Amino acid sequence: MDEWLTRARDALASETGVDRTALDLSAQDSDILLDLARIAAHASGERTNAPLLCYLVGRAQGEQSLDELAETLRRLRS
């Protein structure tokens, strides 16, 4: 993660009591989220849907992996 995102992660961890490492983004996670943001912006024609979709994915993530959720969303554009 870059410096700004690391500071944002640390602030969120401090405020919520969540372990910082639980909020780390791997390179693969970053790539998936950026791809989903791209899909949302292009498929909907609204760039503002990109961060909102990523937020929804974060809210939905529980028992399913980010890969599984991303695959569900990729099927929607087909």
PDB file of N, CA and C in Angstrom:
ATOM      1  N   MET A   1       0.842  -1.180   0.000  1.00  0.00           N
ATOM      2  CA  MET A   1       0.000   0.000   0.000  1.00  0.00           C
ATOM      3  C   MET A   1       0.884   1.239   0.000  1.00  0.00           C
ATOM      4  N   ASP A   2       0.376   2.293  -0.597  1.00  0.00           N
ATOM      5  CA  ASP A   2       1.158   3.528  -0.606  1.00  0.00           C
ATOM      6  C   ASP A   2       1.032   4.236   0.745  1.00  0.00           C
ATOM      7  N   GLU A   3       1.800   5.305   0.888  1.00  0.00           N
ATOM      8  CA  GLU A   3       1.890   5.998   2.179  1.00  0.00           C
ATOM      9  C   GLU A   3       0.541   6.547   2.637  1.00  0.00           C
ATOM     10  N   TRP A   4      -0.207   7.182   1.736  1.00  0.00           N
ATOM     11  CA  TRP A   4      -1.495   7.760   2.121  1.00  0.00           C
ATOM     12  C   TRP A   4      -2.471   6.674   2.569  1.00  0.00           C
ATOM     13  N   LEU A   5      -2.534   5.590   1.803  1.00  0.00           N
ATOM     14  CA  LEU A   5      -3.456   4.506   2.139  1.00  0.00           C
ATOM     15  C   LEU A   5      -3.049   3.825   3.446  1.00  0.00           C
ATOM     16  N   THR A   6      -1.775   3.720   3.696  1.00  0.00           N
ATOM     17  CA  THR A   6      -1.289   3.159   4.957  1.00  0.00           C
ATOM     18  C   THR A   6      -1.718   4.030   6.132  1.00  0.00           C
ATOM     19  N   ARG A   7      -1.605   5.353   5.982  1.00  0.00           N
ATOM     20  CA  ARG A   7      -2.054   6.255   7.054  1.00  0.00           C
ATOM     21  C   ARG A   7      -3.566   6.146   7.269  1.00  0.00           C
ATOM     22  N   ALA A   8      -4.322   6.024   6.190  1.00  0.00           N
ATOM     23  CA  ALA A   8      -5.777   5.872   6.299  1.00  0.00           C
ATOM     24  C   ALA A   8      -6.124   4.558   7.002  1.00  0.00           C
ATOM     25  N   ARG A   9      -5.421   3.495   6.643  1.00  0.00           N
ATOM     26  CA  ARG A   9      -5.625   2.204   7.298  1.00  0.00           C
ATOM     27  C   ARG A   9      -5.348   2.296   8.786  1.00  0.00           C
ATOM     28  N   ASP A  10      -4.241   2.937   9.139  1.00  0.00           N
ATOM     29  CA  ASP A  10      -3.863   3.071  10.544  1.00  0.00           C
ATOM     30  C   ASP A  10      -4.884   3.900  11.322  1.00  0.00           C
ATOM     31  N   ALA A  11      -5.395   4.948  10.711  1.00  0.00           N
ATOM     32  CA  ALA A  11      -6.411   5.777  11.372  1.00  0.00           C
ATOM     33  C   ALA A  11      -7.687   4.984  11.605  1.00  0.00           C
ATOM     34  N   LEU A  12      -8.101   4.222  10.602  1.00  0.00           N
ATOM     35  CA  LEU A  12      -9.304   3.399  10.759  1.00  0.00           C
ATOM     36  C   LEU A  12      -9.107   2.338  11.825  1.00  0.00           C
ATOM     37  N   ALA A  13      -7.957   1.721  11.832  1.00  0.00           N
ATOM     38  CA  ALA A  13      -7.671   0.694  12.834  1.00  0.00           C
ATOM     39  C   ALA A  13      -7.702   1.296  14.228  1.00  0.00           C
ATOM     40  N   SER A  14      -7.105   2.452  14.389  1.00  0.00           N
ATOM     41  CA  SER A  14      -7.075   3.113  15.687  1.00  0.00           C
ATOM     42  C   SER A  14      -8.475   3.490  16.156  1.00  0.00           C
ATOM     43  N   GLU A  15      -9.265   4.023  15.252  1.00  0.00           N
ATOM     44  CA  GLU A  15     -10.612   4.480  15.597  1.00  0.00           C
ATOM     45  C   GLU A  15     -11.557   3.317  15.916  1.00  0.00           C
ATOM     46  N   THR A  16     -11.388   2.202  15.219  1.00  0.00           N
ATOM     47  CA  THR A  16     -12.329   1.090  15.365  1.00  0.00           C
ATOM     48  C   THR A  16     -11.850  -0.017  16.293  1.00  0.00           C
ATOM     49  N   GLY A  17     -10.555  -0.015  16.596  1.00  0.00           N
ATOM     50  CA  GLY A  17     -10.011  -1.093  17.404  1.00  0.00           C
ATOM     51  C   GLY A  17      -9.721  -2.356  16.606  1.00  0.00           C
ATOM     52  N   VAL A  18      -9.841  -2.265  15.284  1.00  0.00           N
ATOM     53  CA  VAL A  18      -9.543  -3.403  14.404  1.00  0.00           C
ATOM     54  C   VAL A  18      -8.034  -3.485  14.224  1.00  0.00           C
ATOM     55  N   ASP A  19      -7.499  -4.693  14.266  1.00  0.00           N
ATOM     56  CA  ASP A  19      -6.065  -4.897  14.058  1.00  0.00           C
ATOM     57  C   ASP A  19      -5.679  -4.384  12.676  1.00  0.00           C
ATOM     58  N   ARG A  20      -4.613  -3.599  12.614  1.00  0.00           N
ATOM     59  CA  ARG A  20      -4.158  -3.032  11.339  1.00  0.00           C
ATOM     60  C   ARG A  20      -3.955  -4.083  10.269  1.00  0.00           C
ATOM     61  N   THR A  21      -3.423  -5.223  10.655  1.00  0.00           N
ATOM     62  CA  THR A  21      -3.137  -6.246   9.647  1.00  0.00           C
ATOM     63  C   THR A  21      -4.418  -6.790   9.015  1.00  0.00           C
ATOM     64  N   ALA A  22      -5.539  -6.696   9.720  1.00  0.00           N
ATOM     65  CA  ALA A  22      -6.816  -7.139   9.152  1.00  0.00           C
ATOM     66  C   ALA A  22      -7.277  -6.205   8.033  1.00  0.00           C
ATOM     67  N   LEU A  23      -6.717  -5.011   7.987  1.00  0.00           N
ATOM     68  CA  LEU A  23      -7.100  -4.026   6.979  1.00  0.00           C
ATOM     69  C   LEU A  23      -6.086  -3.912   5.848  1.00  0.00           C
ATOM     70  N   ASP A  24      -5.055  -4.726   5.875  1.00  0.00           N
ATOM     71  CA  ASP A  24      -4.053  -4.691   4.808  1.00  0.00           C
ATOM     72  C   ASP A  24      -4.661  -5.136   3.489  1.00  0.00           C
ATOM     73  N   LEU A  25      -4.236  -4.500   2.419  1.00  0.00           N
ATOM     74  CA  LEU A  25      -4.626  -4.894   1.074  1.00  0.00           C
ATOM     75  C   LEU A  25      -3.424  -5.525   0.388  1.00  0.00           C
ATOM     76  N   SER A  26      -3.604  -6.740  -0.077  1.00  0.00           N
ATOM     77  CA  SER A  26      -2.537  -7.361  -0.859  1.00  0.00           C
ATOM     78  C   SER A  26      -2.560  -6.758  -2.261  1.00  0.00           C
ATOM     79  N   ALA A  27      -1.519  -7.008  -3.006  1.00  0.00           N
ATOM     80  CA  ALA A  27      -1.476  -6.528  -4.392  1.00  0.00           C
ATOM     81  C   ALA A  27      -2.631  -7.139  -5.182  1.00  0.00           C
ATOM     82  N   GLN A  28      -2.937  -8.405  -4.912  1.00  0.00           N
ATOM     83  CA  GLN A  28      -4.040  -9.068  -5.610  1.00  0.00           C
ATOM     84  C   GLN A  28      -5.378  -8.429  -5.238  1.00  0.00           C
ATOM     85  N   ASP A  29      -5.599  -8.149  -3.950  1.00  0.00           N
ATOM     86  CA  ASP A  29      -6.836  -7.489  -3.525  1.00  0.00           C
ATOM     87  C   ASP A  29      -6.979  -6.124  -4.180  1.00  0.00           C
ATOM     88  N   SER A  30      -5.889  -5.385  -4.228  1.00  0.00           N
ATOM     89  CA  SER A  30      -5.908  -4.064  -4.866  1.00  0.00           C
ATOM     90  C   SER A  30      -6.290  -4.190  -6.335  1.00  0.00           C
ATOM     91  N   ASP A  31      -5.695  -5.150  -7.019  1.00  0.00           N
ATOM     92  CA  ASP A  31      -5.998  -5.355  -8.436  1.00  0.00           C
ATOM     93  C   ASP A  31      -7.472  -5.709  -8.642  1.00  0.00           C
ATOM     94  N   ILE A  32      -8.008  -6.569  -7.796  1.00  0.00           N
ATOM     95  CA  ILE A  32      -9.416  -6.970  -7.908  1.00  0.00           C
ATOM     96  C   ILE A  32     -10.329  -5.768  -7.682  1.00  0.00           C
ATOM     97  N   LEU A  33     -10.065  -5.013  -6.632  1.00  0.00           N
ATOM     98  CA  LEU A  33     -10.914  -3.855  -6.342  1.00  0.00           C
ATOM     99  C   LEU A  33     -10.842  -2.803  -7.440  1.00  0.00           C
ATOM    100  N   LEU A  34      -9.653  -2.566  -7.969  1.00  0.00           N
ATOM    101  CA  LEU A  34      -9.520  -1.609  -9.064  1.00  0.00           C
ATOM    102  C   LEU A  34     -10.240  -2.097 -10.319  1.00  0.00           C
ATOM    103  N   ASP A  35     -10.202  -3.393 -10.562  1.00  0.00           N
ATOM    104  CA  ASP A  35     -10.930  -3.955 -11.699  1.00  0.00           C
ATOM    105  C   ASP A  35     -12.434  -3.799 -11.503  1.00  0.00           C
ATOM    106  N   LEU A  36     -12.919  -4.063 -10.290  1.00  0.00           N
ATOM    107  CA  LEU A  36     -14.345  -3.890 -10.020  1.00  0.00           C
ATOM    108  C   LEU A  36     -14.757  -2.429 -10.155  1.00  0.00           C
ATOM    109  N   ALA A  37     -13.907  -1.529  -9.712  1.00  0.00           N
ATOM    110  CA  ALA A  37     -14.197  -0.103  -9.859  1.00  0.00           C
ATOM    111  C   ALA A  37     -14.282   0.270 -11.340  1.00  0.00           C
ATOM    112  N   ARG A  38     -13.384  -0.277 -12.127  1.00  0.00           N
ATOM    113  CA  ARG A  38     -13.400  -0.026 -13.570  1.00  0.00           C
ATOM    114  C   ARG A  38     -14.686  -0.549 -14.195  1.00  0.00           C
ATOM    115  N   ILE A  39     -15.067  -1.771 -13.827  1.00  0.00           N
ATOM    116  CA  ILE A  39     -16.299  -2.367 -14.351  1.00  0.00           C
ATOM    117  C   ILE A  39     -17.499  -1.503 -13.982  1.00  0.00           C
ATOM    118  N   ALA A  40     -17.577  -1.096 -12.731  1.00  0.00           N
ATOM    119  CA  ALA A  40     -18.712  -0.290 -12.276  1.00  0.00           C
ATOM    120  C   ALA A  40     -18.805   1.014 -13.048  1.00  0.00           C
ATOM    121  N   ALA A  41     -17.687   1.673 -13.237  1.00  0.00           N
ATOM    122  CA  ALA A  41     -17.689   2.956 -13.938  1.00  0.00           C
ATOM    123  C   ALA A  41     -18.084   2.791 -15.400  1.00  0.00           C
ATOM    124  N   HIS A  42     -17.549   1.762 -16.054  1.00  0.00           N
ATOM    125  CA  HIS A  42     -17.819   1.576 -17.479  1.00  0.00           C
ATOM    126  C   HIS A  42     -19.211   1.006 -17.728  1.00  0.00           C
ATOM    127  N   ALA A  43     -19.606   0.017 -16.951  1.00  0.00           N
ATOM    128  CA  ALA A  43     -20.904  -0.630 -17.167  1.00  0.00           C
ATOM    129  C   ALA A  43     -22.068   0.298 -16.852  1.00  0.00           C
ATOM    130  N   SER A  44     -21.898   1.138 -15.855  1.00  0.00           N
ATOM    131  CA  SER A  44     -22.993   2.020 -15.447  1.00  0.00           C
ATOM    132  C   SER A  44     -22.927   3.380 -16.122  1.00  0.00           C
ATOM    133  N   GLY A  45     -21.755   3.743 -16.620  1.00  0.00           N
ATOM    134  CA  GLY A  45     -21.584   5.067 -17.198  1.00  0.00           C
ATOM    135  C   GLY A  45     -21.402   6.155 -16.147  1.00  0.00           C
ATOM    136  N   GLU A  46     -21.309   5.757 -14.898  1.00  0.00           N
ATOM    137  CA  GLU A  46     -21.164   6.712 -13.793  1.00  0.00           C
ATOM    138  C   GLU A  46     -19.916   6.369 -12.995  1.00  0.00           C
ATOM    139  N   ARG A  47     -18.929   7.254 -13.010  1.00  0.00           N
ATOM    140  CA  ARG A  47     -17.701   7.004 -12.241  1.00  0.00           C
ATOM    141  C   ARG A  47     -17.975   6.914 -10.753  1.00  0.00           C
ATOM    142  N   THR A  48     -18.998   7.601 -10.279  1.00  0.00           N
ATOM    143  CA  THR A  48     -19.298   7.588  -8.843  1.00  0.00           C
ATOM    144  C   THR A  48     -19.728   6.211  -8.359  1.00  0.00           C
ATOM    145  N   ASN A  49     -20.125   5.329  -9.272  1.00  0.00           N
ATOM    146  CA  ASN A  49     -20.504   3.978  -8.856  1.00  0.00           C
ATOM    147  C   ASN A  49     -19.286   3.122  -8.488  1.00  0.00           C
ATOM    148  N   ALA A  50     -18.102   3.510  -8.936  1.00  0.00           N
ATOM    149  CA  ALA A  50     -16.895   2.726  -8.659  1.00  0.00           C
ATOM    150  C   ALA A  50     -16.607   2.618  -7.165  1.00  0.00           C
ATOM    151  N   PRO A  51     -16.475   3.727  -6.431  1.00  0.00           N
ATOM    152  CA  PRO A  51     -16.211   3.581  -4.995  1.00  0.00           C
ATOM    153  C   PRO A  51     -17.403   3.003  -4.239  1.00  0.00           C
ATOM    154  N   LEU A  52     -18.591   3.276  -4.724  1.00  0.00           N
ATOM    155  CA  LEU A  52     -19.775   2.742  -4.037  1.00  0.00           C
ATOM    156  C   LEU A  52     -19.845   1.220  -4.166  1.00  0.00           C
ATOM    157  N   LEU A  53     -19.507   0.699  -5.338  1.00  0.00           N
ATOM    158  CA  LEU A  53     -19.485  -0.743  -5.512  1.00  0.00           C
ATOM    159  C   LEU A  53     -18.420  -1.376  -4.617  1.00  0.00           C
ATOM    160  N   CYS A  54     -17.254  -0.755  -4.538  1.00  0.00           N
ATOM    161  CA  CYS A  54     -16.186  -1.294  -3.681  1.00  0.00           C
ATOM    162  C   CYS A  54     -16.631  -1.297  -2.219  1.00  0.00           C
ATOM    163  N   TYR A  55     -17.353  -0.270  -1.828  1.00  0.00           N
ATOM    164  CA  TYR A  55     -17.894  -0.227  -0.467  1.00  0.00           C
ATOM    165  C   TYR A  55     -18.880  -1.382  -0.247  1.00  0.00           C
ATOM    166  N   LEU A  56     -19.774  -1.608  -1.208  1.00  0.00           N
ATOM    167  CA  LEU A  56     -20.731  -2.704  -1.084  1.00  0.00           C
ATOM    168  C   LEU A  56     -20.024  -4.052  -0.984  1.00  0.00           C
ATOM    169  N   VAL A  57     -18.969  -4.228  -1.765  1.00  0.00           N
ATOM    170  CA  VAL A  57     -18.199  -5.473  -1.707  1.00  0.00           C
ATOM    171  C   VAL A  57     -17.598  -5.643  -0.318  1.00  0.00           C
ATOM    172  N   GLY A  58     -17.050  -4.577   0.230  1.00  0.00           N
ATOM    173  CA  GLY A  58     -16.490  -4.644   1.581  1.00  0.00           C
ATOM    174  C   GLY A  58     -17.539  -4.997   2.617  1.00  0.00           C
ATOM    175  N   ARG A  59     -18.730  -4.429   2.468  1.00  0.00           N
ATOM    176  CA  ARG A  59     -19.818  -4.733   3.404  1.00  0.00           C
ATOM    177  C   ARG A  59     -20.283  -6.179   3.261  1.00  0.00           C
ATOM    178  N   ALA A  60     -20.268  -6.685   2.030  1.00  0.00           N
ATOM    179  CA  ALA A  60     -20.749  -8.045   1.770  1.00  0.00           C
ATOM    180  C   ALA A  60     -19.738  -9.112   2.163  1.00  0.00           C
ATOM    181  N   GLN A  61     -18.477  -8.736   2.227  1.00  0.00           N
ATOM    182  CA  GLN A  61     -17.442  -9.737   2.484  1.00  0.00           C
ATOM    183  C   GLN A  61     -17.566 -10.270   3.892  1.00  0.00           C
ATOM    184  N   GLY A  62     -17.691 -11.536   4.001  1.00  0.00           N
ATOM    185  CA  GLY A  62     -17.796 -12.224   5.274  1.00  0.00           C
ATOM    186  C   GLY A  62     -17.260 -13.623   5.073  1.00  0.00           C
ATOM    187  N   GLU A  63     -18.151 -14.515   4.767  1.00  0.00           N
ATOM    188  CA  GLU A  63     -17.768 -15.908   4.518  1.00  0.00           C
ATOM    189  C   GLU A  63     -17.196 -16.104   3.117  1.00  0.00           C
ATOM    190  N   GLN A  64     -17.515 -15.198   2.202  1.00  0.00           N
ATOM    191  CA  GLN A  64     -17.028 -15.327   0.832  1.00  0.00           C
ATOM    192  C   GLN A  64     -15.739 -14.537   0.653  1.00  0.00           C
ATOM    193  N   SER A  65     -14.897 -15.044  -0.212  1.00  0.00           N
ATOM    194  CA  SER A  65     -13.640 -14.347  -0.494  1.00  0.00           C
ATOM    195  C   SER A  65     -13.895 -13.192  -1.454  1.00  0.00           C
ATOM    196  N   LEU A  66     -12.939 -12.301  -1.505  1.00  0.00           N
ATOM    197  CA  LEU A  66     -13.025 -11.187  -2.442  1.00  0.00           C
ATOM    198  C   LEU A  66     -13.101 -11.719  -3.868  1.00  0.00           C
ATOM    199  N   ASP A  67     -12.365 -12.776  -4.167  1.00  0.00           N
ATOM    200  CA  ASP A  67     -12.404 -13.388  -5.500  1.00  0.00           C
ATOM    201  C   ASP A  67     -13.812 -13.852  -5.852  1.00  0.00           C
ATOM    202  N   GLU A  68     -14.490 -14.503  -4.905  1.00  0.00           N
ATOM    203  CA  GLU A  68     -15.844 -15.009  -5.155  1.00  0.00           C
ATOM    204  C   GLU A  68     -16.824 -13.866  -5.392  1.00  0.00           C
ATOM    205  N   LEU A  69     -16.728 -12.836  -4.588  1.00  0.00           N
ATOM    206  CA  LEU A  69     -17.616 -11.688  -4.764  1.00  0.00           C
ATOM    207  C   LEU A  69     -17.348 -10.992  -6.097  1.00  0.00           C
ATOM    208  N   ALA A  70     -16.091 -10.873  -6.453  1.00  0.00           N
ATOM    209  CA  ALA A  70     -15.734 -10.239  -7.719  1.00  0.00           C
ATOM    210  C   ALA A  70     -16.276 -11.039  -8.891  1.00  0.00           C
ATOM    211  N   GLU A  71     -16.197 -12.345  -8.803  1.00  0.00           N
ATOM    212  CA  GLU A  71     -16.704 -13.188  -9.890  1.00  0.00           C
ATOM    213  C   GLU A  71     -18.212 -13.009 -10.051  1.00  0.00           C
ATOM    214  N   THR A  72     -18.931 -12.897  -8.957  1.00  0.00           N
ATOM    215  CA  THR A  72     -20.368 -12.636  -9.012  1.00  0.00           C
ATOM    216  C   THR A  72     -20.648 -11.351  -9.776  1.00  0.00           C
ATOM    217  N   LEU A  73     -19.885 -10.312  -9.478  1.00  0.00           N
ATOM    218  CA  LEU A  73     -20.092  -9.024 -10.132  1.00  0.00           C
ATOM    219  C   LEU A  73     -19.634  -9.025 -11.584  1.00  0.00           C
ATOM    220  N   ARG A  74     -18.594  -9.769 -11.877  1.00  0.00           N
ATOM    221  CA  ARG A  74     -18.139  -9.853 -13.262  1.00  0.00           C
ATOM    222  C   ARG A  74     -19.189 -10.524 -14.136  1.00  0.00           C
ATOM    223  N   ARG A  75     -19.912 -11.483 -13.579  1.00  0.00           N
ATOM    224  CA  ARG A  75     -20.973 -12.159 -14.336  1.00  0.00           C
ATOM    225  C   ARG A  75     -22.107 -11.202 -14.674  1.00  0.00           C
ATOM    226  N   LEU A  76     -22.332 -10.186 -13.847  1.00  0.00           N
ATOM    227  CA  LEU A  76     -23.402  -9.232 -14.104  1.00  0.00           C
ATOM    228  C   LEU A  76     -23.214  -8.448 -15.393  1.00  0.00           C
ATOM    229  N   ARG A  77     -21.973  -8.192 -15.737  1.00  0.00           N
ATOM    230  CA  ARG A  77     -21.721  -7.387 -16.942  1.00  0.00           C
ATOM    231  C   ARG A  77     -21.846  -8.206 -18.204  1.00  0.00           C
ATOM    232  N   SER A  78     -21.933  -9.520 -18.071  1.00  0.00           N
ATOM    233  CA  SER A  78     -22.034 -10.393 -19.265  1.00  0.00           C
ATOM    234  C   SER A  78     -23.429 -10.346 -19.831  1.00  0.00           C
TER     235      SER A  78
END
